[in-house]
C-alpha atoms as a PDB file:
ATOM      1  CA  UNK A   1     -86.098  72.199 -72.711  1.00  0.00           C
ATOM      2  CA  UNK A   2     -86.877  72.361 -68.985  1.00  0.00           C
ATOM      3  CA  UNK A   3     -83.950  74.716 -68.414  1.00  0.00           C
ATOM      4  CA  UNK A   4     -85.178  77.076 -71.139  1.00  0.00           C
ATOM      5  CA  UNK A   5     -88.667  77.118 -69.626  1.00  0.00           C
ATOM      6  CA  UNK A   6     -87.198  77.799 -66.178  1.00  0.00           C
ATOM      7  CA  UNK A   7     -85.148  80.805 -67.285  1.00  0.00           C
ATOM      8  CA  UNK A   8     -87.925  82.172 -69.478  1.00  0.00           C
ATOM      9  CA  UNK A   9     -90.804  81.527 -67.115  1.00  0.00           C
ATOM     10  CA  UNK A  10     -91.613  85.212 -66.505  1.00  0.00           C
ATOM     11  CA  UNK A  11     -91.806  86.134 -70.212  1.00  0.00           C
ATOM     12  CA  UNK A  12     -93.939  83.015 -70.810  1.00  0.00           C
ATOM     13  CA  UNK A  13     -96.399  83.928 -68.068  1.00  0.00           C
ATOM     14  CA  UNK A  14     -96.488  87.489 -69.379  1.00  0.00           C
ATOM     15  CA  UNK A  15     -97.595  86.268 -72.799  1.00  0.00           C
ATOM     16  CA  UNK A  16    -100.319  84.183 -71.145  1.00  0.00           C
ATOM     17  CA  UNK A  17    -101.639  87.016 -68.962  1.00  0.00           C
ATOM     18  CA  UNK A  18    -104.675  88.988 -70.120  1.00  0.00           C
ATOM     19  CA  UNK A  19    -105.516  92.645 -69.513  1.00  0.00           C
ATOM     20  CA  UNK A  20    -107.067  91.769 -66.175  1.00  0.00           C
ATOM     21  CA  UNK A  21    -103.712  90.336 -65.080  1.00  0.00           C
ATOM     22  CA  UNK A  22    -105.155  86.819 -65.022  1.00  0.00           C
ATOM     23  CA  UNK A  23    -103.248  83.819 -66.324  1.00  0.00           C
ATOM     24  CA  UNK A  24    -105.073  82.351 -69.305  1.00  0.00           C
ATOM     25  CA  UNK A  25    -103.535  79.508 -71.231  1.00  0.00           C
ATOM     26  CA  UNK A  26    -105.873  79.289 -74.193  1.00  0.00           C
ATOM     27  CA  UNK A  27    -105.757  82.933 -75.225  1.00  0.00           C
ATOM     28  CA  UNK A  28    -105.604  84.233 -78.782  1.00  0.00           C
ATOM     29  CA  UNK A  29    -101.797  84.191 -79.109  1.00  0.00           C
ATOM     30  CA  UNK A  30    -101.502  80.717 -77.587  1.00  0.00           C
ATOM     31  CA  UNK A  31    -104.220  79.287 -79.820  1.00  0.00           C
ATOM     32  CA  UNK A  32    -102.590  80.720 -82.955  1.00  0.00           C
ATOM     33  CA  UNK A  33     -99.189  79.339 -81.962  1.00  0.00           C
ATOM     34  CA  UNK A  34    -100.739  75.950 -81.117  1.00  0.00           C
ATOM     35  CA  UNK A  35    -102.570  75.725 -84.461  1.00  0.00           C
ATOM     36  CA  UNK A  36     -99.408  76.649 -86.400  1.00  0.00           C
ATOM     37  CA  UNK A  37     -97.325  74.111 -84.442  1.00  0.00           C
ATOM     38  CA  UNK A  38     -99.861  71.327 -85.012  1.00  0.00           C
ATOM     39  CA  UNK A  39    -100.118  72.224 -88.698  1.00  0.00           C
ATOM     40  CA  UNK A  40     -96.342  72.101 -89.174  1.00  0.00           C
ATOM     41  CA  UNK A  41     -96.021  68.859 -87.169  1.00  0.00           C
ATOM     42  CA  UNK A  42     -98.822  67.097 -89.054  1.00  0.00           C
ATOM     43  CA  UNK A  43     -97.594  68.400 -92.410  1.00  0.00           C
ATOM     44  CA  UNK A  44     -94.088  67.118 -91.703  1.00  0.00           C
ATOM     45  CA  UNK A  45     -95.261  63.674 -90.558  1.00  0.00           C
ATOM     46  CA  UNK A  46     -97.690  63.155 -93.427  1.00  0.00           C
ATOM     47  CA  UNK A  47     -95.574  65.068 -95.977  1.00  0.00           C
ATOM     48  CA  UNK A  48     -98.240  67.633 -96.803  1.00  0.00           C
ATOM     49  CA  UNK A  49     -97.621  70.908 -98.652  1.00  0.00           C
ATOM     50  CA  UNK A  50     -95.870  73.215 -98.053  1.00  0.00           C
ATOM     51  CA  UNK A  51     -93.735  71.180 -95.606  1.00  0.00           C
ATOM     52  CA  UNK A  52     -93.105  68.447 -98.171  1.00  0.00           C
ATOM     53  CA  UNK A  53     -91.666  71.092-100.511  1.00  0.00           C
ATOM     54  CA  UNK A  54     -88.972  71.851 -97.945  1.00  0.00           C
ATOM     55  CA  UNK A  55     -88.284  68.144 -97.371  1.00  0.00           C
ATOM     56  CA  UNK A  56     -88.115  67.473-101.117  1.00  0.00           C
ATOM     57  CA  UNK A  57     -85.850  70.480-101.613  1.00  0.00           C
ATOM     58  CA  UNK A  58     -83.462  69.132 -98.997  1.00  0.00           C
ATOM     59  CA  UNK A  59     -83.429  65.716-100.671  1.00  0.00           C
ATOM     60  CA  UNK A  60     -82.875  67.398-104.048  1.00  0.00           C
ATOM     61  CA  UNK A  61     -79.770  69.250-102.867  1.00  0.00           C
ATOM     62  CA  UNK A  62     -78.588  66.119-101.069  1.00  0.00           C
ATOM     63  CA  UNK A  63     -78.908  64.101-104.283  1.00  0.00           C
ATOM     64  CA  UNK A  64     -77.027  66.807-106.218  1.00  0.00           C
ATOM     65  CA  UNK A  65     -74.204  66.636-103.707  1.00  0.00           C
ATOM     66  CA  UNK A  66     -74.164  62.836-103.860  1.00  0.00           C
ATOM     67  CA  UNK A  67     -73.962  62.941-107.664  1.00  0.00           C
ATOM     68  CA  UNK A  68     -71.015  65.333-107.563  1.00  0.00           C
ATOM     69  CA  UNK A  69     -69.082  64.055-104.544  1.00  0.00           C
ATOM     70  CA  UNK A  70     -70.494  60.568-104.051  1.00  0.00           C
ATOM     71  CA  UNK A  71     -72.753  59.255-101.311  1.00  0.00           C
ATOM     72  CA  UNK A  72     -70.956  58.524 -98.027  1.00  0.00           C
ATOM     73  CA  UNK A  73     -71.338  54.941 -96.808  1.00  0.00           C
ATOM     74  CA  UNK A  74     -72.313  56.284 -93.342  1.00  0.00           C
ATOM     75  CA  UNK A  75     -72.833  59.657 -91.676  1.00  0.00           C
ATOM     76  CA  UNK A  76     -69.772  61.938 -91.707  1.00  0.00           C
ATOM     77  CA  UNK A  77     -67.604  59.124 -93.022  1.00  0.00           C
ATOM     78  CA  UNK A  78     -65.181  61.691 -94.430  1.00  0.00           C
ATOM     79  CA  UNK A  79     -64.268  62.773 -90.883  1.00  0.00           C
ATOM     80  CA  UNK A  80     -63.248  59.258 -89.851  1.00  0.00           C
ATOM     81  CA  UNK A  81     -59.597  58.340 -89.764  1.00  0.00           C
ATOM     82  CA  UNK A  82     -58.426  55.898 -92.403  1.00  0.00           C
ATOM     83  CA  UNK A  83     -58.145  53.210 -89.716  1.00  0.00           C
ATOM     84  CA  UNK A  84     -61.659  53.826 -88.353  1.00  0.00           C
ATOM     85  CA  UNK A  85     -63.092  53.967 -91.856  1.00  0.00           C
ATOM     86  CA  UNK A  86     -61.544  50.617 -92.744  1.00  0.00           C
ATOM     87  CA  UNK A  87     -62.797  49.099 -89.482  1.00  0.00           C
ATOM     88  CA  UNK A  88     -66.359  50.280 -90.114  1.00  0.00           C
ATOM     89  CA  UNK A  89     -66.344  49.188 -93.746  1.00  0.00           C
ATOM     90  CA  UNK A  90     -64.635  45.855 -92.978  1.00  0.00           C
ATOM     91  CA  UNK A  91     -61.704  46.729 -95.242  1.00  0.00           C
ATOM     92  CA  UNK A  92     -58.235  45.317 -94.628  1.00  0.00           C
ATOM     93  CA  UNK A  93     -56.156  48.318 -93.531  1.00  0.00           C
ATOM     94  CA  UNK A  94     -52.855  46.948 -94.826  1.00  0.00           C
ATOM     95  CA  UNK A  95     -54.318  46.258 -98.262  1.00  0.00           C
ATOM     96  CA  UNK A  96     -55.953  49.683 -98.312  1.00  0.00           C
ATOM     97  CA  UNK A  97     -52.631  51.329 -97.467  1.00  0.00           C
ATOM     98  CA  UNK A  98     -50.899  49.478-100.302  1.00  0.00           C
ATOM     99  CA  UNK A  99     -53.598  50.486-102.788  1.00  0.00           C
ATOM    100  CA  UNK A 100     -53.360  54.134-101.765  1.00  0.00           C
ATOM    101  CA  UNK A 101     -49.583  54.151-102.112  1.00  0.00           C
ATOM    102  CA  UNK A 102     -49.818  52.431-105.491  1.00  0.00           C
ATOM    103  CA  UNK A 103     -52.223  55.166-106.569  1.00  0.00           C
ATOM    104  CA  UNK A 104     -49.632  57.752-105.454  1.00  0.00           C
ATOM    105  CA  UNK A 105     -51.881  58.984-102.618  1.00  0.00           C
ATOM    106  CA  UNK A 106     -49.738  60.661 -99.975  1.00  0.00           C
ATOM    107  CA  UNK A 107     -50.625  60.585 -96.258  1.00  0.00           C
ATOM    108  CA  UNK A 108     -48.750  60.374 -92.966  1.00  0.00           C
ATOM    109  CA  UNK A 109     -50.430  57.400 -91.303  1.00  0.00           C
ATOM    110  CA  UNK A 110     -53.752  55.676 -90.732  1.00  0.00           C
ATOM    111  CA  UNK A 111     -54.749  58.340 -88.192  1.00  0.00           C
ATOM    112  CA  UNK A 112     -55.266  60.875 -91.005  1.00  0.00           C
ATOM    113  CA  UNK A 113     -58.928  61.491 -91.774  1.00  0.00           C
ATOM    114  CA  UNK A 114     -60.399  60.554 -95.131  1.00  0.00           C
ATOM    115  CA  UNK A 115     -61.143  64.240 -95.750  1.00  0.00           C
ATOM    116  CA  UNK A 116     -57.591  65.276 -94.910  1.00  0.00           C
ATOM    117  CA  UNK A 117     -56.128  62.626 -97.204  1.00  0.00           C
ATOM    118  CA  UNK A 118     -58.469  63.707 -99.991  1.00  0.00           C
ATOM    119  CA  UNK A 119     -57.635  67.418 -99.637  1.00  0.00           C
ATOM    120  CA  UNK A 120     -53.890  66.790 -99.507  1.00  0.00           C
ATOM    121  CA  UNK A 121     -54.125  64.898-102.792  1.00  0.00           C
ATOM    122  CA  UNK A 122     -56.636  67.203-104.554  1.00  0.00           C
ATOM    123  CA  UNK A 123     -59.307  64.501-104.586  1.00  0.00           C
ATOM    124  CA  UNK A 124     -62.719  63.943-103.058  1.00  0.00           C
ATOM    125  CA  UNK A 125     -63.259  61.508-100.158  1.00  0.00           C
ATOM    126  CA  UNK A 126     -65.343  59.408-102.556  1.00  0.00           C
ATOM    127  CA  UNK A 127     -62.345  59.022-104.876  1.00  0.00           C
ATOM    128  CA  UNK A 128     -60.219  57.848-101.944  1.00  0.00           C
ATOM    129  CA  UNK A 129     -62.931  55.369-101.004  1.00  0.00           C
ATOM    130  CA  UNK A 130     -63.139  54.113-104.593  1.00  0.00           C
ATOM    131  CA  UNK A 131     -59.438  53.258-104.428  1.00  0.00           C
ATOM    132  CA  UNK A 132     -59.481  51.335-101.168  1.00  0.00           C
ATOM    133  CA  UNK A 133     -62.824  49.591-101.649  1.00  0.00           C
ATOM    134  CA  UNK A 134     -61.134  47.463-104.314  1.00  0.00           C
ATOM    135  CA  UNK A 135     -59.967  45.326-101.409  1.00  0.00           C
ATOM    136  CA  UNK A 136     -63.576  44.215-100.965  1.00  0.00           C
ATOM    137  CA  UNK A 137     -64.563  44.049-104.627  1.00  0.00           C
ATOM    138  CA  UNK A 138     -62.726  40.762-105.082  1.00  0.00           C
ATOM    139  CA  UNK A 139     -64.814  38.832-102.566  1.00  0.00           C
ATOM    140  CA  UNK A 140     -65.837  35.454-103.868  1.00  0.00           C
ATOM    141  CA  UNK A 141     -69.435  34.822-104.792  1.00  0.00           C
ATOM    142  CA  UNK A 142     -71.418  32.574-102.487  1.00  0.00           C
ATOM    143  CA  UNK A 143     -70.376  34.187 -99.201  1.00  0.00           C
ATOM    144  CA  UNK A 144     -72.870  33.827 -96.320  1.00  0.00           C
ATOM    145  CA  UNK A 145     -75.676  36.385 -96.131  1.00  0.00           C
ATOM    146  CA  UNK A 146     -75.027  38.886 -93.284  1.00  0.00           C
ATOM    147  CA  UNK A 147     -77.161  39.137 -90.152  1.00  0.00           C
ATOM    148  CA  UNK A 148     -77.319  42.926 -90.573  1.00  0.00           C
ATOM    149  CA  UNK A 149     -77.056  45.006 -93.764  1.00  0.00           C
ATOM    150  CA  UNK A 150     -73.611  46.302 -94.667  1.00  0.00           C
ATOM    151  CA  UNK A 151     -73.157  50.098 -94.971  1.00  0.00           C
ATOM    152  CA  UNK A 152     -73.333  49.950 -98.786  1.00  0.00           C
ATOM    153  CA  UNK A 153     -76.117  47.344 -98.991  1.00  0.00           C
ATOM    154  CA  UNK A 154     -78.641  49.911-100.223  1.00  0.00           C
ATOM    155  CA  UNK A 155     -76.525  50.661-103.287  1.00  0.00           C
ATOM    156  CA  UNK A 156     -76.518  47.048-104.488  1.00  0.00           C
ATOM    157  CA  UNK A 157     -78.997  45.801-107.062  1.00  0.00           C
ATOM    158  CA  UNK A 158     -81.024  42.637-106.554  1.00  0.00           C
ATOM    159  CA  UNK A 159     -79.003  41.013-109.319  1.00  0.00           C
ATOM    160  CA  UNK A 160     -75.682  41.780-107.604  1.00  0.00           C
ATOM    161  CA  UNK A 161     -76.988  40.676-104.203  1.00  0.00           C
ATOM    162  CA  UNK A 162     -78.151  37.344-105.614  1.00  0.00           C
ATOM    163  CA  UNK A 163     -74.804  36.796-107.348  1.00  0.00           C
ATOM    164  CA  UNK A 164     -72.793  37.749-104.261  1.00  0.00           C
ATOM    165  CA  UNK A 165     -74.698  35.527-101.837  1.00  0.00           C
ATOM    166  CA  UNK A 166     -75.614  32.769-104.316  1.00  0.00           C
ATOM    167  CA  UNK A 167     -79.363  33.335-103.994  1.00  0.00           C
ATOM    168  CA  UNK A 168     -82.068  32.323-106.508  1.00  0.00           C
ATOM    169  CA  UNK A 169     -82.864  35.611-108.252  1.00  0.00           C
ATOM    170  CA  UNK A 170     -86.293  34.526-109.506  1.00  0.00           C
ATOM    171  CA  UNK A 171     -87.367  33.515-105.999  1.00  0.00           C
ATOM    172  CA  UNK A 172     -86.114  36.793-104.512  1.00  0.00           C
ATOM    173  CA  UNK A 173     -87.994  38.845-107.119  1.00  0.00           C
ATOM    174  CA  UNK A 174     -91.146  36.755-106.641  1.00  0.00           C
ATOM    175  CA  UNK A 175     -91.056  37.142-102.848  1.00  0.00           C
ATOM    176  CA  UNK A 176     -90.581  40.907-103.149  1.00  0.00           C
ATOM    177  CA  UNK A 177     -93.446  41.199-105.641  1.00  0.00           C
ATOM    178  CA  UNK A 178     -95.680  39.033-103.426  1.00  0.00           C
ATOM    179  CA  UNK A 179     -94.915  41.477-100.608  1.00  0.00           C
ATOM    180  CA  UNK A 180     -96.230  44.318-102.770  1.00  0.00           C
ATOM    181  CA  UNK A 181     -92.975  45.677-104.159  1.00  0.00           C
ATOM    182  CA  UNK A 182     -92.664  46.830-107.759  1.00  0.00           C
ATOM    183  CA  UNK A 183     -89.157  45.634-108.543  1.00  0.00           C
ATOM    184  CA  UNK A 184     -86.759  44.641-111.324  1.00  0.00           C
ATOM    185  CA  UNK A 185     -83.476  42.784-111.076  1.00  0.00           C
ATOM    186  CA  UNK A 186     -81.432  45.897-111.849  1.00  0.00           C
ATOM    187  CA  UNK A 187     -83.054  48.014-109.118  1.00  0.00           C
ATOM    188  CA  UNK A 188     -80.972  48.797-106.050  1.00  0.00           C
ATOM    189  CA  UNK A 189     -82.366  48.260-102.564  1.00  0.00           C
ATOM    190  CA  UNK A 190     -82.503  52.021-102.037  1.00  0.00           C
ATOM    191  CA  UNK A 191     -84.374  52.555-105.295  1.00  0.00           C
ATOM    192  CA  UNK A 192     -86.886  49.841-104.426  1.00  0.00           C
ATOM    193  CA  UNK A 193     -87.501  51.443-101.041  1.00  0.00           C
ATOM    194  CA  UNK A 194     -87.948  54.919-102.510  1.00  0.00           C
ATOM    195  CA  UNK A 195     -90.155  53.757-105.382  1.00  0.00           C
ATOM    196  CA  UNK A 196     -92.399  51.764-103.072  1.00  0.00           C
ATOM    197  CA  UNK A 197     -92.337  54.161-100.108  1.00  0.00           C
ATOM    198  CA  UNK A 198     -90.901  51.456 -97.902  1.00  0.00           C
ATOM    199  CA  UNK A 199     -88.030  51.019 -95.494  1.00  0.00           C
ATOM    200  CA  UNK A 200     -85.020  49.268 -97.116  1.00  0.00           C
ATOM    201  CA  UNK A 201     -84.790  47.180 -93.947  1.00  0.00           C
ATOM    202  CA  UNK A 202     -88.043  45.450 -94.923  1.00  0.00           C
ATOM    203  CA  UNK A 203     -86.416  44.432 -98.212  1.00  0.00           C
ATOM    204  CA  UNK A 204     -83.356  43.150 -96.371  1.00  0.00           C
ATOM    205  CA  UNK A 205     -85.534  41.011 -94.075  1.00  0.00           C
ATOM    206  CA  UNK A 206     -87.308  39.396 -97.047  1.00  0.00           C
ATOM    207  CA  UNK A 207     -84.016  38.527 -98.747  1.00  0.00           C
ATOM    208  CA  UNK A 208     -82.554  37.318 -95.454  1.00  0.00           C
ATOM    209  CA  UNK A 209     -85.516  34.968 -95.035  1.00  0.00           C
ATOM    210  CA  UNK A 210     -84.778  33.400 -98.427  1.00  0.00           C
ATOM    211  CA  UNK A 211     -81.064  33.151 -97.615  1.00  0.00           C
ATOM    212  CA  UNK A 212     -81.759  31.384 -94.289  1.00  0.00           C
ATOM    213  CA  UNK A 213     -84.135  28.944 -95.992  1.00  0.00           C
ATOM    214  CA  UNK A 214     -81.530  28.012 -98.605  1.00  0.00           C
ATOM    215  CA  UNK A 215     -78.726  27.449 -96.101  1.00  0.00           C
END
């Protein structure tokens, strides 16, 4: 930003100079630009029209893409190598490799990206993920509740979370409702956050508190 101001200082001062060749900051052009900037900033923060239309449109197209191709577990996951992807998702690489080969998925080695593997086999990265995530689907119920949410925590329903970590479902639902959340057992963490205009991390902290108390 400072570099851009430095190299464009003369044009900036020209815009702020009146007919008498005097530098005036709060002239007509500056005031208009300032009002527009404040309007856009405030509209974006508080989700006011028409800025919220643009934000909602972006979310709409994002949801369409997620429905068609699947939602990535983290940003640009498809560009990660198979090895890095397994490391991030806590998936056993050897087991993942076996599953891919059993599914007749061809790739050179674990350095190939998820996107490259998908393209070479005429599949989407989500389909490749669905194959290798089976290594984690067989985890036993009653495992300890994590200190931080896993990448796919938001996709899990309250019912599944309680079954996985051996938590009392009624108590979890009651605590969430006491905290002001409108929630049902089949709702995912992401859905609860969206429906209640809350951060999913707040939901995680409530559940974590119950898990720590029951340990």
